[in-house]
């Protein structure tokens, strides 16, 4: 293979790594309650792929020039961690769900605010959890550093 062209094995591992990261990331967004388990799977996948990448580089005596270096970087968790750090939102401090007025209320607490959302579907004693996960944002309460309410925004 020409030294200027990328190594196809590194390209394959880079693609597998990116697909794994995308798949796990989409799973964590759809089911946040199991996100810790998904991240454990991602870490195990990273370990396997980094070991495989090291073996391929050692066995094939790959020189890490431009394309191969770029593929090597995309075979590691580095781009994913950079992506998460750049695009991450404000961290959630806590969440709580409860039933009130025949609807499910979702309360999400951030550092300086709380968001309250109400389920679109109604609940009852027989069906305490709504049929779907559709919620609409009702209100946001903003707090100052002392914990006092600064502003309340009602959205309906």
Protein backbone atom coordinates (compact mmCIF):
# COMPACT_ATOMS: atom_id res chain seq x y z
CA UNK A 1 0.00 0.00 0.00
CA UNK A 2 1.19 3.49 -0.80
CA UNK A 3 2.51 5.32 2.30
CA UNK A 4 0.37 8.39 1.46
CA UNK A 5 -2.88 6.43 1.52
CA UNK A 6 -4.72 5.59 4.73
CA UNK A 7 -4.48 2.09 6.15
CA UNK A 8 -7.75 0.23 5.49
CA UNK A 9 -7.61 -1.64 8.82
CA UNK A 10 -7.34 1.64 10.72
CA UNK A 11 -10.14 3.05 8.59
CA UNK A 12 -12.33 0.06 9.47
CA UNK A 13 -11.65 0.40 13.19
CA UNK A 14 -12.33 4.15 13.04
CA UNK A 15 -15.68 3.53 11.37
CA UNK A 16 -16.58 0.80 13.89
CA UNK A 17 -15.64 3.15 16.74
CA UNK A 18 -17.72 6.02 15.36
CA UNK A 19 -20.72 3.73 14.78
CA UNK A 20 -20.41 2.32 18.30
CA UNK A 21 -20.24 5.81 19.81
CA UNK A 22 -23.21 7.01 17.76
CA UNK A 23 -25.28 3.92 18.66
CA UNK A 24 -24.54 4.17 22.39
CA UNK A 25 -25.10 7.94 22.38
CA UNK A 26 -28.52 7.51 20.75
CA UNK A 27 -29.41 4.83 23.32
CA UNK A 28 -28.48 7.11 26.21
CA UNK A 29 -30.65 9.88 24.78
CA UNK A 30 -33.71 7.61 24.43
CA UNK A 31 -33.38 5.84 27.81
CA UNK A 32 -31.56 8.05 30.28
CA UNK A 33 -32.30 5.72 33.18
CA UNK A 34 -29.97 3.09 31.70
CA UNK A 35 -27.33 5.51 30.43
CA UNK A 36 -24.75 4.42 33.00
CA UNK A 37 -24.96 0.83 31.74
CA UNK A 38 -24.67 2.01 28.15
CA UNK A 39 -21.59 4.06 29.01
CA UNK A 40 -20.04 0.96 30.58
CA UNK A 41 -20.61 -0.89 27.29
CA UNK A 42 -19.02 2.04 25.45
CA UNK A 43 -15.94 1.95 27.68
CA UNK A 44 -15.54 -1.80 27.13
CA UNK A 45 -15.89 -1.23 23.38
CA UNK A 46 -13.23 1.49 23.53
CA UNK A 47 -10.82 -0.80 25.38
CA UNK A 48 -11.29 -3.56 22.80
CA UNK A 49 -10.88 -1.17 19.86
CA UNK A 50 -7.80 0.56 21.31
CA UNK A 51 -6.15 -2.82 21.92
CA UNK A 52 -7.05 -3.93 18.38
CA UNK A 53 -5.68 -0.67 17.00
CA UNK A 54 -2.42 -1.10 18.92
CA UNK A 55 -2.05 -4.67 17.65
CA UNK A 56 -2.70 -3.60 14.05
CA UNK A 57 -0.20 -0.73 14.27
CA UNK A 58 2.44 -2.98 15.81
CA UNK A 59 1.84 -6.01 13.56
CA UNK A 60 1.58 -4.08 10.29
CA UNK A 61 4.33 -1.62 11.27
CA UNK A 62 2.12 1.32 10.36
CA UNK A 63 3.80 4.70 10.34
CA UNK A 64 1.53 7.31 11.85
CA UNK A 65 1.75 9.96 9.16
CA UNK A 66 -1.10 12.33 8.29
CA UNK A 67 -3.95 9.97 7.25
CA UNK A 68 -3.00 7.13 9.55
CA UNK A 69 -2.55 9.52 12.48
CA UNK A 70 -5.97 10.99 11.80
CA UNK A 71 -7.50 7.50 11.62
CA UNK A 72 -5.69 6.51 14.81
CA UNK A 73 -7.17 9.51 16.63
CA UNK A 74 -10.67 8.57 15.40
CA UNK A 75 -10.07 5.01 16.66
CA UNK A 76 -9.81 6.34 20.21
CA UNK A 77 -12.31 8.03 22.55
CA UNK A 78 -10.65 11.44 22.05
CA UNK A 79 -13.08 12.84 19.39
CA UNK A 80 -16.13 11.61 21.32
CA UNK A 81 -14.95 13.19 24.57
CA UNK A 82 -14.21 16.47 22.76
CA UNK A 83 -17.66 16.36 21.12
CA UNK A 84 -19.36 15.79 24.48
CA UNK A 85 -17.42 18.56 26.19
CA UNK A 86 -18.19 21.05 23.41
CA UNK A 87 -21.88 20.22 23.00
CA UNK A 88 -22.79 19.34 26.57
CA UNK A 89 -25.62 21.25 28.15
CA UNK A 90 -25.88 22.49 31.67
CA UNK A 91 -25.56 19.46 33.98
CA UNK A 92 -28.73 18.14 35.59
CA UNK A 93 -28.53 18.13 39.38
CA UNK A 94 -31.58 15.91 39.86
CA UNK A 95 -34.89 14.74 38.43
CA UNK A 96 -38.16 13.82 40.03
CA UNK A 97 -41.46 12.54 38.65
CA UNK A 98 -44.80 12.44 40.42
CA UNK A 99 -48.52 12.46 39.65
CA UNK A 100 -50.60 15.57 40.25
CA UNK A 101 -54.02 16.60 38.91
CA UNK A 102 -54.30 13.39 36.82
CA UNK A 103 -51.04 14.07 34.95
CA UNK A 104 -47.42 13.05 35.39
CA UNK A 105 -45.17 15.95 36.41
CA UNK A 106 -41.47 15.85 35.54
CA UNK A 107 -39.28 18.16 37.61
CA UNK A 108 -35.71 18.69 36.36
CA UNK A 109 -33.33 20.57 38.63
CA UNK A 110 -30.31 22.42 37.25
CA UNK A 111 -27.81 24.53 39.15
CA UNK A 112 -29.81 27.77 39.05
CA UNK A 113 -33.25 26.73 37.79
CA UNK A 114 -36.01 24.10 37.87
CA UNK A 115 -38.10 23.06 34.89
CA UNK A 116 -41.58 21.60 35.33
CA UNK A 117 -43.16 19.59 32.52
CA UNK A 118 -46.59 17.93 32.41
CA UNK A 119 -47.43 14.73 30.55
CA UNK A 120 -49.70 15.05 27.55
CA UNK A 121 -51.54 11.84 28.50
CA UNK A 122 -53.50 11.71 31.72
CA UNK A 123 -52.91 9.25 34.56
CA UNK A 124 -55.18 7.44 36.99
CA UNK A 125 -54.86 5.10 39.94
CA UNK A 126 -55.05 2.12 37.57
CA UNK A 127 -52.54 3.67 35.13
CA UNK A 128 -50.16 5.87 37.16
CA UNK A 129 -47.68 6.17 34.30
CA UNK A 130 -48.73 7.90 31.05
CA UNK A 131 -48.97 5.80 27.90
CA UNK A 132 -46.33 7.82 26.06
CA UNK A 133 -43.36 9.92 27.09
CA UNK A 134 -44.62 13.19 25.62
CA UNK A 135 -44.37 16.14 28.00
CA UNK A 136 -44.81 19.85 27.51
CA UNK A 137 -42.79 22.41 29.44
CA UNK A 138 -45.05 24.32 31.85
CA UNK A 139 -42.79 26.57 33.84
CA UNK A 140 -39.22 27.46 34.69
CA UNK A 141 -38.20 28.86 38.06
CA UNK A 142 -34.87 30.68 38.23
CA UNK A 143 -32.89 30.92 41.47
CA UNK A 144 -30.02 33.12 42.56
CA UNK A 145 -26.93 31.79 44.34
CA UNK A 146 -28.66 32.08 47.73
CA UNK A 147 -31.55 29.85 46.59
CA UNK A 148 -34.09 32.67 46.38
CA UNK A 149 -36.46 32.79 43.43
CA UNK A 150 -35.44 35.44 40.90
CA UNK A 151 -38.01 34.85 38.20
CA UNK A 152 -40.77 32.42 37.28
CA UNK A 153 -41.71 31.86 33.65
CA UNK A 154 -45.03 30.14 32.84
CA UNK A 155 -45.27 28.53 29.39
CA UNK A 156 -48.71 27.30 28.29
